C-alpha atoms as a PDB file:
ATOM      1  CA  MET A   1      -0.092  -0.059   0.008  1.00  0.00           C
ATOM      2  CA  LEU A   2       1.193   3.590  -0.771  1.00  0.00           C
ATOM      3  CA  GLU A   3       0.298   6.491   1.104  1.00  0.00           C
ATOM      4  CA  ARG A   4       1.056  10.172  -0.184  1.00  0.00           C
ATOM      5  CA  ARG A   5       1.360  13.435   1.330  1.00  0.00           C
ATOM      6  CA  SER A   6       1.879  16.153  -1.205  1.00  0.00           C
ATOM      7  CA  SER A   7       3.607  19.780  -0.402  1.00  0.00           C
ATOM      8  CA  LYS A   8       4.436  22.564  -3.156  1.00  0.00           C
ATOM      9  CA  ASP A   9       7.041  20.718  -4.748  1.00  0.00           C
ATOM     10  CA  ARG A  10       7.724  17.462  -2.904  1.00  0.00           C
ATOM     11  CA  THR A  11       5.670  14.438  -2.097  1.00  0.00           C
ATOM     12  CA  GLU A  12       6.082  12.022   0.879  1.00  0.00           C
ATOM     13  CA  VAL A  13       5.419   8.533  -0.131  1.00  0.00           C
ATOM     14  CA  THR A  14       5.293   6.050   2.447  1.00  0.00           C
ATOM     15  CA  PHE A  15       5.558   2.244   1.487  1.00  0.00           C
ATOM     16  CA  VAL A  16       3.498   0.040   3.935  1.00  0.00           C
ATOM     17  CA  LEU A  17       3.425  -3.947   4.036  1.00  0.00           C
ATOM     18  CA  PRO A  18       1.769  -6.118   6.914  1.00  0.00           C
ATOM     19  CA  ALA A  19       4.150  -6.718   9.596  1.00  0.00           C
ATOM     20  CA  ASP A  20       4.669 -10.390   8.671  1.00  0.00           C
ATOM     21  CA  ALA A  21       4.101 -10.829   5.046  1.00  0.00           C
ATOM     22  CA  PRO A  22       6.640 -11.624   3.626  1.00  0.00           C
ATOM     23  CA  PRO A  23       8.649 -12.243   7.022  1.00  0.00           C
ATOM     24  CA  GLY A  24      11.852 -11.224   7.431  1.00  0.00           C
ATOM     25  CA  PRO A  25      13.293  -7.747   6.315  1.00  0.00           C
ATOM     26  CA  VAL A  26      12.107  -5.671   3.257  1.00  0.00           C
ATOM     27  CA  SER A  27      13.273  -2.877   1.477  1.00  0.00           C
ATOM     28  CA  VAL A  28      12.149  -0.694  -1.248  1.00  0.00           C
ATOM     29  CA  VAL A  29      14.454  -0.576  -3.780  1.00  0.00           C
ATOM     30  CA  GLY A  30      13.888   1.494  -7.012  1.00  0.00           C
ATOM     31  CA  ASP A  31      15.196   4.355  -9.425  1.00  0.00           C
ATOM     32  CA  PHE A  32      15.238   6.825  -6.511  1.00  0.00           C
ATOM     33  CA  ASN A  33      17.942   5.030  -4.324  1.00  0.00           C
ATOM     34  CA  ASP A  34      19.686   3.551  -7.428  1.00  0.00           C
ATOM     35  CA  TRP A  35      18.454   0.380  -7.050  1.00  0.00           C
ATOM     36  CA  ARG A  36      20.350  -0.247  -3.727  1.00  0.00           C
ATOM     37  CA  PRO A  37      18.702  -2.659  -1.440  1.00  0.00           C
ATOM     38  CA  GLY A  38      18.730  -1.667   2.602  1.00  0.00           C
ATOM     39  CA  VAL A  39      18.742   1.955   1.766  1.00  0.00           C
ATOM     40  CA  HIS A  40      15.050   2.292   2.404  1.00  0.00           C
ATOM     41  CA  THR A  41      14.181  -0.458   4.786  1.00  0.00           C
ATOM     42  CA  LEU A  42      10.853  -0.994   6.190  1.00  0.00           C
ATOM     43  CA  ARG A  43      10.250  -0.324   9.888  1.00  0.00           C
ATOM     44  CA  PRO A  44       7.706  -1.473  12.299  1.00  0.00           C
ATOM     45  CA  ARG A  45       5.168   1.241  13.188  1.00  0.00           C
ATOM     46  CA  LYS A  46       2.558   1.539  16.032  1.00  0.00           C
ATOM     47  CA  ASP A  47      -0.533   0.190  13.896  1.00  0.00           C
ATOM     48  CA  GLY A  48       1.239  -3.213  13.478  1.00  0.00           C
ATOM     49  CA  LYS A  49       2.656  -2.816   9.797  1.00  0.00           C
ATOM     50  CA  ARG A  50       5.768  -1.955   8.378  1.00  0.00           C
ATOM     51  CA  ALA A  51       6.559   1.245   6.313  1.00  0.00           C
ATOM     52  CA  VAL A  52       9.105   3.579   5.028  1.00  0.00           C
ATOM     53  CA  THR A  53       8.910   7.193   3.767  1.00  0.00           C
ATOM     54  CA  VAL A  54      10.792   8.568   0.927  1.00  0.00           C
ATOM     55  CA  GLU A  55      10.611  12.244  -0.215  1.00  0.00           C
ATOM     56  CA  LEU A  56      10.308  12.328  -4.255  1.00  0.00           C
ATOM     57  CA  PRO A  57       9.673  15.072  -6.493  1.00  0.00           C
ATOM     58  CA  SER A  58       5.937  16.001  -7.453  1.00  0.00           C
ATOM     59  CA  ARG A  59       4.864  15.291 -10.865  1.00  0.00           C
ATOM     60  CA  SER A  60       7.319  12.544 -11.624  1.00  0.00           C
ATOM     61  CA  SER A  61       7.357   8.963 -11.895  1.00  0.00           C
ATOM     62  CA  HIS A  62       9.549   6.272 -10.292  1.00  0.00           C
ATOM     63  CA  SER A  63      10.148   2.433 -10.780  1.00  0.00           C
ATOM     64  CA  PHE A  64      10.561   0.264  -7.710  1.00  0.00           C
ATOM     65  CA  ARG A  65      10.138  -2.932  -6.329  1.00  0.00           C
ATOM     66  CA  TYR A  66      10.323  -4.638  -2.856  1.00  0.00           C
ATOM     67  CA  LEU A  67      13.296  -6.933  -1.824  1.00  0.00           C
ATOM     68  CA  ALA A  68      12.585  -9.433   1.046  1.00  0.00           C
ATOM     69  CA  ALA A  69      14.951 -11.926   2.576  1.00  0.00           C
ATOM     70  CA  GLY A  70      15.904 -15.019   0.499  1.00  0.00           C
ATOM     71  CA  ASP A  71      16.148 -12.533  -2.530  1.00  0.00           C
ATOM     72  CA  HIS A  72      12.436 -12.870  -2.983  1.00  0.00           C
ATOM     73  CA  TRP A  73      11.472  -9.685  -5.139  1.00  0.00           C
ATOM     74  CA  PHE A  74       7.762  -8.558  -5.488  1.00  0.00           C
ATOM     75  CA  ASN A  75       5.775  -5.671  -6.602  1.00  0.00           C
ATOM     76  CA  ASP A  76       3.218  -3.388  -4.923  1.00  0.00           C
ATOM     77  CA  GLU A  77      -0.296  -3.979  -6.548  1.00  0.00           C
ATOM     78  CA  SER A  78      -1.451  -0.885  -5.059  1.00  0.00           C
ATOM     79  CA  ALA A  79       0.912   1.327  -7.275  1.00  0.00           C
ATOM     80  CA  GLY A  80      -1.788   0.348 -10.045  1.00  0.00           C
ATOM     81  CA  HIS A  81       0.759   0.644 -12.842  1.00  0.00           C
ATOM     82  CA  GLN A  82       3.893  -1.496 -14.133  1.00  0.00           C
ATOM     83  CA  ASP A  83       7.040  -0.426 -15.599  1.00  0.00           C
ATOM     84  CA  GLY A  84       8.064  -3.774 -17.141  1.00  0.00           C
ATOM     85  CA  PRO A  85       8.598  -6.371 -14.289  1.00  0.00           C
ATOM     86  CA  ASN A  86       8.284  -3.303 -11.828  1.00  0.00           C
ATOM     87  CA  SER A  87       5.693  -1.131 -10.061  1.00  0.00           C
ATOM     88  CA  LEU A  88       5.433   2.349 -11.439  1.00  0.00           C
ATOM     89  CA  LEU A  89       4.721   5.064  -8.769  1.00  0.00           C
ATOM     90  CA  HIS A  90       3.199   8.956 -10.073  1.00  0.00           C
ATOM     91  CA  THR A  91       3.708  11.731  -7.544  1.00  0.00           C
END
């Protein structure tokens, strides 16, 4: 699930997953962090889910995927768009 909060020229995008599905550490990896795993690792939050927030330029598009333990790559169906094998996010 993606949560967005916009300001004048920036958009804070929060990537949200359940606490235990998939199990183990998960990071969001995309063109906004040069596809480097571990840069944006999801952390537990008070509502029992895991999340990480990334600030991106408004009116832009970004490809991303999640990487879980065991080299398990997966997409975010809530993004609504695909860019080849990746999820596509519009801010």
